[in-house]
Amino acid sequence: MGLAALIRLSFEGQDLRPLAKRFLQRAQDDPTDANALMDLATTLELNLQPEVGLGVQAQALQMCAHYCVLKPANARLRVLCLMAPGDLSTNAPLAFLLEDSDVALDMLFVGEGVAPVASLPEHDVLFCAIGESEATHPLLDRLKPIMDTWPRPVLNPPERVMRTSRDGAHALLHDAPGIIMPPSRRLERADLECLGRSELTLETLLPGERFPVLVRPVDSHAGHDLAKLHSAEEIAAYLEPLKETRFFLSPFVDYRDADGQFRKYRVVLIDGRAYAGHMAISSHWMIHYLNAGMRESAEKRTEEARFMQNFETDFARRHAAAFEAINQRLALDYLVIDCAETTTGELLIFEVDTGAVVHSMDPPDLFPYKLPAMHKVFDAFRALLAKAAAEN
């Protein structure tokens, strides 16, 4: 079935357990059916069994590294997507951008424990879909010299993907015009424990900053184990249930608007041009689209519709200098930016990422304004691929 179809079913609230049983039966009937195992692995992760899912994925990858994702009858472009073993946040889910298009998409997994391939699938463009993380850094580093001599155009080359770490992106963007990006200090667990015992000061770790601060494990996304701490005394309780050994520490920036609401924007940068992804509005500082009450509030959806429909003449124009700086300094062909606006009008950047999900899964009866905006993103991505292929 593939990743995009399974995520869509999960997003719609469907019970995936019958599918998991079907995939398991297929794998039992044919132990060489790597596609069944890969679908089973995805289904298990979506059913909140990530460790089991990763084990099944490893079995699939020991048998086969190459998977055909999209194979339209009228394919005019062939894209090979370079992937790393890992959970759903490890790689960019490109299938969402190319559904119902004339682009054939193949996934090729690389890395430890992956079966070798006798020959590469035919392709016009190679896209490095591997996202930045501590786990993928060694692989991205090893891929750089290989990508430098790749016989086809390469989009999102590995050395540029590595720039998107929280601390790496801050180093590149903190002094860019129109941008506020708070520092992210990478710390060992022992450093946080020392801060909690007042053996280290916040000034030592984040010069010029004060509480409250944000802390999260390195490689944490979507708010997992992210906390806002108001004093050093809260650190021990935060760390107690966690096993992670490395963390990011950042100052908290209060970005609420005059009405007391927080607004978070997802912007997609494709070939240097910004496109609207979504907008979420919440009374809580930690915003995720699915918990922001967008389905329940017609007022919020009306505001998001204005954001998306007027994006080119409003938000993108206001922050044109910021988006140009991001494009110049990170130099990625495809990038997702999660951001807000400060009370003084700057672009407040939370995260830049090549692997965030950009999709058209929201029900059109509630979100009729989204599909036209998403088609702009999809068309721009298709144009990026065609432009790269033409340069070959």
Protein backbone atom coordinates (compact mmCIF):
# COMPACT_ATOMS: atom_id res chain seq x y z
CA MET A 1 0.00 0.00 0.00
CA GLY A 2 2.80 2.38 0.83
CA LEU A 3 3.50 4.98 3.48
CA ALA A 4 1.20 7.77 2.24
CA ALA A 5 -1.87 5.52 1.92
CA LEU A 6 -1.36 4.06 5.39
CA ILE A 7 -0.83 7.44 7.03
CA ARG A 8 -3.96 8.72 5.30
CA LEU A 9 -6.01 5.85 6.71
CA SER A 10 -4.61 6.50 10.18
CA PHE A 11 -5.28 10.24 9.84
CA GLU A 12 -8.91 9.44 9.00
CA GLY A 13 -9.18 7.43 12.21
CA GLN A 14 -9.51 4.01 10.59
CA ASP A 15 -8.59 0.88 12.51
CA LEU A 16 -5.34 -0.43 11.01
CA ARG A 17 -5.31 -3.72 12.91
CA PRO A 18 -7.10 -5.70 10.14
CA LEU A 19 -4.52 -4.40 7.65
CA ALA A 20 -1.68 -5.38 9.97
CA LYS A 21 -3.07 -8.92 10.13
CA ARG A 22 -3.31 -9.01 6.33
CA PHE A 23 0.29 -7.85 5.89
CA LEU A 24 1.47 -10.35 8.49
CA GLN A 25 -0.36 -13.17 6.69
CA ARG A 26 1.23 -12.15 3.38
CA ALA A 27 4.68 -12.21 4.97
CA GLN A 28 4.02 -15.63 6.48
CA ASP A 29 2.76 -16.98 3.16
CA ASP A 30 5.79 -15.59 1.36
CA PRO A 31 8.80 -14.92 3.62
CA THR A 32 10.50 -13.04 0.74
CA ASP A 33 7.67 -10.46 0.45
CA ALA A 34 9.62 -7.41 1.65
CA ASN A 35 6.80 -5.06 0.61
CA ALA A 36 4.42 -6.80 3.02
CA LEU A 37 6.95 -6.46 5.82
CA MET A 38 7.53 -2.79 5.06
CA ASP A 39 3.79 -2.07 5.12
CA LEU A 40 3.48 -4.08 8.33
CA ALA A 41 6.30 -2.03 9.88
CA THR A 42 4.56 1.23 9.01
CA THR A 43 1.22 -0.03 10.32
CA LEU A 44 2.79 -1.10 13.61
CA GLU A 45 4.36 2.31 14.12
CA LEU A 46 1.05 4.03 13.35
CA ASN A 47 -0.54 1.68 15.91
CA LEU A 48 1.90 2.99 18.54
CA GLN A 49 4.20 -0.03 18.47
CA PRO A 50 7.33 1.73 17.15
CA GLU A 51 9.96 -0.66 18.49
CA VAL A 52 8.20 -3.68 17.02
CA GLY A 53 7.73 -1.78 13.77
CA LEU A 54 11.42 -0.93 13.53
CA GLY A 55 12.27 -4.60 14.06
CA VAL A 56 9.99 -5.61 11.20
CA GLN A 57 11.42 -2.83 9.02
CA ALA A 58 14.92 -4.19 9.67
CA GLN A 59 13.80 -7.61 8.45
CA ALA A 60 12.42 -6.07 5.26
CA LEU A 61 15.59 -4.07 4.60
CA GLN A 62 17.80 -7.11 5.08
CA MET A 63 15.96 -8.60 2.09
CA CYS A 64 15.39 -5.58 -0.11
CA ALA A 65 16.60 -1.97 -0.25
CA HIS A 66 14.50 -0.82 -3.22
CA TYR A 67 10.75 -0.13 -3.09
CA CYS A 68 8.54 1.25 -5.83
CA VAL A 69 6.22 3.85 -4.27
CA LEU A 70 4.47 5.55 -7.18
CA LYS A 71 4.30 4.13 -10.69
CA PRO A 72 1.86 6.16 -12.81
CA ALA A 73 1.10 4.85 -16.29
CA ASN A 74 1.89 8.26 -17.76
CA ALA A 75 5.16 8.80 -15.89
CA ARG A 76 7.25 11.57 -17.41
CA LEU A 77 9.77 11.91 -14.58
CA ARG A 78 11.54 9.29 -12.50
CA VAL A 79 12.69 10.24 -9.01
CA LEU A 80 14.89 8.09 -6.81
CA CYS A 81 14.40 8.93 -3.15
CA LEU A 82 17.34 8.14 -0.86
CA MET A 83 16.14 6.89 2.54
CA ALA A 84 17.61 5.81 5.87
CA PRO A 85 16.25 3.10 8.17
CA GLY A 86 14.24 4.57 11.01
CA ASP A 87 10.85 5.73 12.20
CA LEU A 88 8.39 7.92 10.30
CA SER A 89 10.27 11.11 11.18
CA THR A 90 13.56 9.92 9.68
CA ASN A 91 12.84 10.67 6.02
CA ALA A 92 10.83 13.21 4.04
CA PRO A 93 7.52 11.60 2.96
CA LEU A 94 7.71 12.68 -0.68
CA ALA A 95 4.78 10.51 -1.76
CA PHE A 96 2.39 13.11 -0.29
CA LEU A 97 3.82 15.70 -2.68
CA LEU A 98 3.56 13.51 -5.76
CA GLU A 99 0.27 11.63 -5.44
CA ASP A 100 -1.84 11.74 -8.63
CA SER A 101 1.09 13.18 -10.59
CA ASP A 102 3.07 11.99 -13.59
CA VAL A 103 6.15 11.32 -11.44
CA ALA A 104 7.39 7.80 -10.72
CA LEU A 105 8.88 7.54 -7.24
CA ASP A 106 11.24 4.84 -6.00
CA MET A 107 12.73 4.56 -2.50
CA LEU A 108 16.28 3.30 -2.04
CA PHE A 109 17.33 2.63 1.54
CA VAL A 110 20.98 2.92 2.48
CA GLY A 111 22.85 2.35 5.72
CA GLU A 112 23.82 -0.34 8.17
CA GLY A 113 21.89 -3.59 7.86
CA VAL A 114 20.42 -2.76 4.45
CA ALA A 115 20.67 -5.29 1.64
CA PRO A 116 22.98 -4.27 -1.22
CA VAL A 117 21.46 -3.58 -4.62
CA ALA A 118 22.76 -5.19 -7.78
CA SER A 119 21.94 -2.09 -9.82
CA LEU A 120 20.34 1.28 -9.25
CA PRO A 121 16.77 1.94 -10.42
CA GLU A 122 16.62 4.14 -13.50
CA HIS A 123 15.98 7.75 -12.49
CA ASP A 124 16.17 11.31 -13.77
CA VAL A 125 16.69 12.97 -10.38
CA LEU A 126 18.00 11.80 -7.01
CA PHE A 127 16.41 13.36 -3.93
CA CYS A 128 18.08 12.90 -0.55
CA ALA A 129 15.06 12.45 1.70
CA ILE A 130 17.10 11.58 4.79
CA GLY A 131 16.46 14.15 7.49
CA GLU A 132 18.99 15.57 9.91
CA SER A 133 19.40 13.84 13.26
CA GLU A 134 22.21 12.57 15.45
CA ALA A 135 21.39 9.08 14.19
CA THR A 136 21.64 10.04 10.51
CA HIS A 137 24.66 12.36 10.70
CA PRO A 138 27.26 9.61 10.12
CA LEU A 139 25.31 8.32 7.11
CA LEU A 140 24.81 11.80 5.64
CA ASP A 141 28.53 12.43 6.08
CA ARG A 142 29.44 9.19 4.27
CA LEU A 143 27.05 10.00 1.43
CA LYS A 144 28.57 13.40 0.64
CA PRO A 145 31.48 12.22 -1.57
CA ILE A 146 29.17 9.75 -3.31
CA MET A 147 26.62 12.47 -4.08
CA ASP A 148 29.37 14.77 -5.36
CA THR A 149 29.97 12.41 -8.27
CA TRP A 150 26.42 11.11 -8.76
CA PRO A 151 25.59 10.77 -12.47
CA ARG A 152 22.18 12.45 -12.10
CA PRO A 153 21.09 15.77 -10.54
CA VAL A 154 20.92 15.61 -6.74
CA LEU A 155 18.36 17.64 -4.76
CA ASN A 156 18.82 18.40 -1.07
CA PRO A 157 22.41 17.12 -1.00
CA PRO A 158 23.44 15.55 2.33
CA GLU A 159 25.91 18.23 3.46
CA ARG A 160 23.16 20.86 3.19
CA VAL A 161 20.60 18.73 5.00
CA MET A 162 23.05 18.61 7.91
CA ARG A 163 22.73 22.39 8.26
CA THR A 164 19.17 22.01 9.58
CA SER A 165 20.07 20.86 13.10
CA ARG A 166 18.66 23.24 15.71
CA ASP A 167 22.07 24.57 16.70
CA GLY A 168 23.41 24.50 13.14
CA ALA A 169 20.46 26.43 11.76
CA HIS A 170 20.77 28.99 14.55
CA ALA A 171 24.43 29.52 13.72
CA LEU A 172 23.50 30.25 10.11
CA LEU A 173 20.31 32.26 10.62
CA HIS A 174 20.47 34.11 13.95
CA ASP A 175 21.80 37.34 12.42
CA ALA A 176 19.78 37.21 9.18
CA PRO A 177 17.58 40.22 8.40
CA GLY A 178 14.03 39.98 9.71
CA ILE A 179 14.67 36.74 11.61
CA ILE A 180 14.62 35.87 15.29
CA MET A 181 15.93 32.37 16.02
CA PRO A 182 16.72 31.73 19.68
CA PRO A 183 19.94 29.81 20.41
CA SER A 184 19.75 26.07 21.01
CA ARG A 185 22.50 24.83 23.32
CA ARG A 186 23.29 21.13 23.00
CA LEU A 187 23.88 19.69 26.46
CA GLU A 188 24.75 16.41 28.08
CA ARG A 189 22.30 15.17 30.67
CA ALA A 190 24.93 15.78 33.36
CA ASP A 191 25.01 19.49 32.44
CA LEU A 192 21.26 19.79 32.93
CA GLU A 193 21.53 17.97 36.24
CA CYS A 194 24.22 20.42 37.33
CA LEU A 195 22.00 23.32 36.33
CA GLY A 196 19.19 21.81 38.37
CA ARG A 197 21.48 21.59 41.43
CA SER A 198 22.74 25.16 40.89
CA GLU A 199 26.25 23.85 40.19
CA LEU A 200 25.99 25.61 36.83
CA THR A 201 24.21 28.86 36.08
CA LEU A 202 21.91 29.57 33.18
CA GLU A 203 24.19 32.48 32.30
CA THR A 204 27.02 30.00 31.75
CA LEU A 205 24.94 27.88 29.36
CA LEU A 206 22.86 30.58 27.67
CA PRO A 207 24.64 33.92 28.14
CA GLY A 208 22.24 36.81 28.48
CA GLU A 209 19.15 34.63 28.85
CA ARG A 210 16.91 33.88 31.82
CA PHE A 211 14.07 31.57 32.76
CA PRO A 212 11.67 30.38 31.46
CA VAL A 213 13.55 28.08 29.08
CA LEU A 214 12.62 25.26 26.76
CA VAL A 215 14.25 21.86 27.05
CA ARG A 216 13.86 18.80 24.85
CA PRO A 217 15.84 15.70 23.94
CA VAL A 218 18.07 15.99 20.90
CA ASP A 219 16.20 14.54 17.87
CA SER A 220 12.83 15.17 19.54
CA HIS A 221 10.15 16.53 17.19
CA ALA A 222 6.45 17.38 17.35
CA GLY A 223 6.73 18.44 20.97
CA HIS A 224 7.70 15.02 22.32
CA ASP A 225 9.19 15.54 25.80
CA LEU A 226 9.40 19.29 25.18
CA ALA A 227 8.90 21.30 28.37
CA LYS A 228 8.88 24.91 29.46
CA LEU A 229 10.77 25.26 32.73
CA HIS A 230 10.36 28.34 34.91
CA SER A 231 13.25 27.64 37.27
CA ALA A 232 16.24 25.36 37.76
CA GLU A 233 14.32 23.57 40.49
CA GLU A 234 12.01 22.02 37.88
CA ILE A 235 14.82 20.25 36.01
CA ALA A 236 15.07 17.15 38.21
CA ALA A 237 11.37 16.37 37.87
CA TYR A 238 11.60 16.89 34.11
CA LEU A 239 14.54 14.48 33.74
CA GLU A 240 13.24 11.78 36.08
CA PRO A 241 11.05 9.84 33.57
CA LEU A 242 13.43 10.31 30.62
CA LYS A 243 16.25 8.02 29.52
CA GLU A 244 17.80 10.38 26.95
CA THR A 245 21.35 11.56 27.51
CA ARG A 246 21.52 14.66 25.26
CA PHE A 247 19.23 17.69 25.24
CA PHE A 248 18.69 21.09 23.67
CA LEU A 249 18.23 24.11 25.94
CA SER A 250 16.72 27.29 24.50
CA PRO A 251 15.25 30.54 25.81
CA PHE A 252 11.46 30.79 25.63
CA VAL A 253 10.11 33.58 23.45
CA ASP A 254 6.58 34.68 24.26
CA TYR A 255 5.00 35.09 20.84
CA ARG A 256 1.35 35.44 21.81
CA ASP A 257 -0.63 38.10 19.98
CA ALA A 258 -2.68 40.91 21.48
CA ASP A 259 -5.74 38.64 21.70
CA GLY A 260 -3.82 36.19 23.88
CA GLN A 261 -3.61 33.53 21.16
CA PHE A 262 -0.48 31.91 19.79
CA ARG A 263 -0.20 31.50 16.01
CA LYS A 264 2.17 29.04 14.41
CA TYR A 265 2.80 28.83 10.68
CA ARG A 266 4.19 26.09 8.48
CA VAL A 267 5.88 27.46 5.36
CA VAL A 268 7.34 25.36 2.57
CA LEU A 269 10.36 26.73 0.70
CA ILE A 270 10.72 25.18 -2.76
CA ASP A 271 13.46 26.33 -5.11
CA GLY A 272 13.75 29.51 -3.09
CA ARG A 273 10.06 30.44 -3.10
CA ALA A 274 7.79 30.33 -0.05
CA TYR A 275 4.41 28.58 0.00
CA ALA A 276 1.76 28.29 2.71
CA GLY A 277 1.63 24.93 4.49
CA HIS A 278 -0.80 25.59 7.31
CA MET A 279 -1.57 27.90 10.23
CA ALA A 280 -2.55 26.77 13.74
CA ILE A 281 -4.05 28.96 16.47
CA SER A 282 -4.08 28.03 20.14
CA SER A 283 -4.22 29.49 23.63
CA HIS A 284 -1.23 27.27 24.50
CA TRP A 285 2.34 28.11 23.51
CA MET A 286 3.09 24.54 22.35
CA ILE A 287 1.03 24.33 19.18
CA HIS A 288 0.50 21.32 16.98
CA TYR A 289 -2.06 21.46 14.24
CA LEU A 290 -3.92 18.37 15.41
CA ASN A 291 -4.39 19.67 18.96
CA ALA A 292 -5.06 23.32 18.17
CA GLY A 293 -8.82 22.88 17.77
CA MET A 294 -8.83 23.84 14.10
CA ARG A 295 -11.57 21.33 13.27
CA GLU A 296 -13.75 22.54 16.11
CA SER A 297 -13.46 26.30 15.45
CA ALA A 298 -14.93 27.90 12.32
CA GLU A 299 -13.36 31.19 13.44
CA LYS A 300 -9.87 29.66 13.43
CA ARG A 301 -10.43 28.06 10.03
CA THR A 302 -11.59 31.40 8.62
CA GLU A 303 -8.35 32.99 9.78
CA GLU A 304 -6.29 30.13 8.35
CA ALA A 305 -8.15 30.48 5.06
CA ARG A 306 -7.19 34.18 4.89
CA PHE A 307 -3.57 33.27 5.65
CA MET A 308 -3.43 30.68 2.88
CA GLN A 309 -5.41 32.61 0.28
CA ASN A 310 -3.47 35.86 0.79
CA PHE A 311 -0.11 34.28 1.48
CA GLU A 312 1.77 35.64 -1.55
CA THR A 313 0.61 39.23 -1.07
CA ASP A 314 0.68 39.30 2.73
CA PHE A 315 2.80 36.91 4.82
CA ALA A 316 5.32 36.02 2.10
CA ARG A 317 5.73 39.65 1.12
CA ARG A 318 6.19 40.84 4.73
CA HIS A 319 8.88 38.25 5.33
CA ALA A 320 10.46 38.22 1.87
CA ALA A 321 13.89 39.25 3.18
CA ALA A 322 13.79 36.51 5.81
CA PHE A 323 12.85 33.81 3.32
CA GLU A 324 15.55 34.98 0.93
CA ALA A 325 18.13 34.80 3.72
CA ILE A 326 17.02 31.26 4.64
CA ASN A 327 17.28 30.22 1.00
CA GLN A 328 20.73 31.74 0.56
CA ARG A 329 22.22 30.47 3.82
CA LEU A 330 20.78 26.95 3.92
CA ALA A 331 20.73 26.50 0.12
CA LEU A 332 18.26 23.62 0.19
CA ASP A 333 15.98 22.83 -2.73
CA TYR A 334 13.13 21.81 -0.43
CA LEU A 335 12.67 22.92 3.17
CA VAL A 336 9.84 23.15 5.71
CA ILE A 337 9.87 26.04 8.18
CA ASP A 338 7.84 26.10 11.39
CA CYS A 339 7.61 29.69 12.56
CA ALA A 340 5.62 32.50 14.13
CA GLU A 341 5.72 36.29 14.18
CA THR A 342 7.13 38.30 17.05
CA THR A 343 5.20 41.21 18.49
CA THR A 344 7.58 43.51 16.59
CA GLY A 345 7.03 41.77 13.25
CA GLU A 346 10.08 39.55 12.82
CA LEU A 347 9.88 35.95 11.65
CA LEU A 348 10.38 33.77 14.74
CA ILE A 349 11.83 30.45 13.61
CA PHE A 350 11.20 27.36 15.72
CA GLU A 351 12.61 24.75 13.37
CA VAL A 352 13.75 24.17 9.81
CA ASP A 353 13.37 20.62 8.57
CA THR A 354 13.46 18.67 5.34
CA GLY A 355 11.31 15.82 6.68
CA ALA A 356 8.12 17.45 8.01
CA VAL A 357 4.84 16.22 6.54
CA VAL A 358 3.14 18.45 3.98
CA HIS A 359 -0.16 16.95 2.86
CA SER A 360 -3.71 17.36 1.59
CA MET A 361 -5.41 14.93 3.98
CA ASP A 362 -7.70 17.42 5.73
CA PRO A 363 -11.39 16.89 4.85
CA PRO A 364 -12.41 19.35 2.11
CA ASP A 365 -15.84 19.96 3.60
CA LEU A 366 -14.20 21.54 6.67
CA PHE A 367 -11.10 22.91 4.94
CA PRO A 368 -12.17 23.86 1.37
CA TYR A 369 -9.38 26.44 1.16
CA LYS A 370 -6.56 23.96 1.73
CA LEU A 371 -6.56 21.94 -1.46
CA PRO A 372 -5.85 24.93 -3.76
CA ALA A 373 -2.97 25.97 -1.49
CA MET A 374 -1.58 22.43 -1.39
CA HIS A 375 -1.77 22.13 -5.16
CA LYS A 376 0.48 25.19 -5.37
CA VAL A 377 3.00 23.31 -3.22
CA PHE A 378 2.66 20.11 -5.23
CA ASP A 379 2.97 21.93 -8.57
CA ALA A 380 6.05 23.79 -7.34
CA PHE A 381 7.67 20.55 -6.23
CA ARG A 382 6.89 18.93 -9.58
CA ALA A 383 8.42 21.97 -11.33
CA LEU A 384 11.54 21.68 -9.15
CA LEU A 385 12.01 18.06 -10.22
CA ALA A 386 11.47 18.90 -13.89
CA LYS A 387 13.94 21.79 -13.70
CA ALA A 388 16.58 19.54 -12.13
CA ALA A 389 16.02 16.78 -14.70
CA ALA A 390 16.33 19.27 -17.57
CA GLU A 391 19.75 20.33 -16.27
CA ASN A 392 21.11 16.80 -16.56
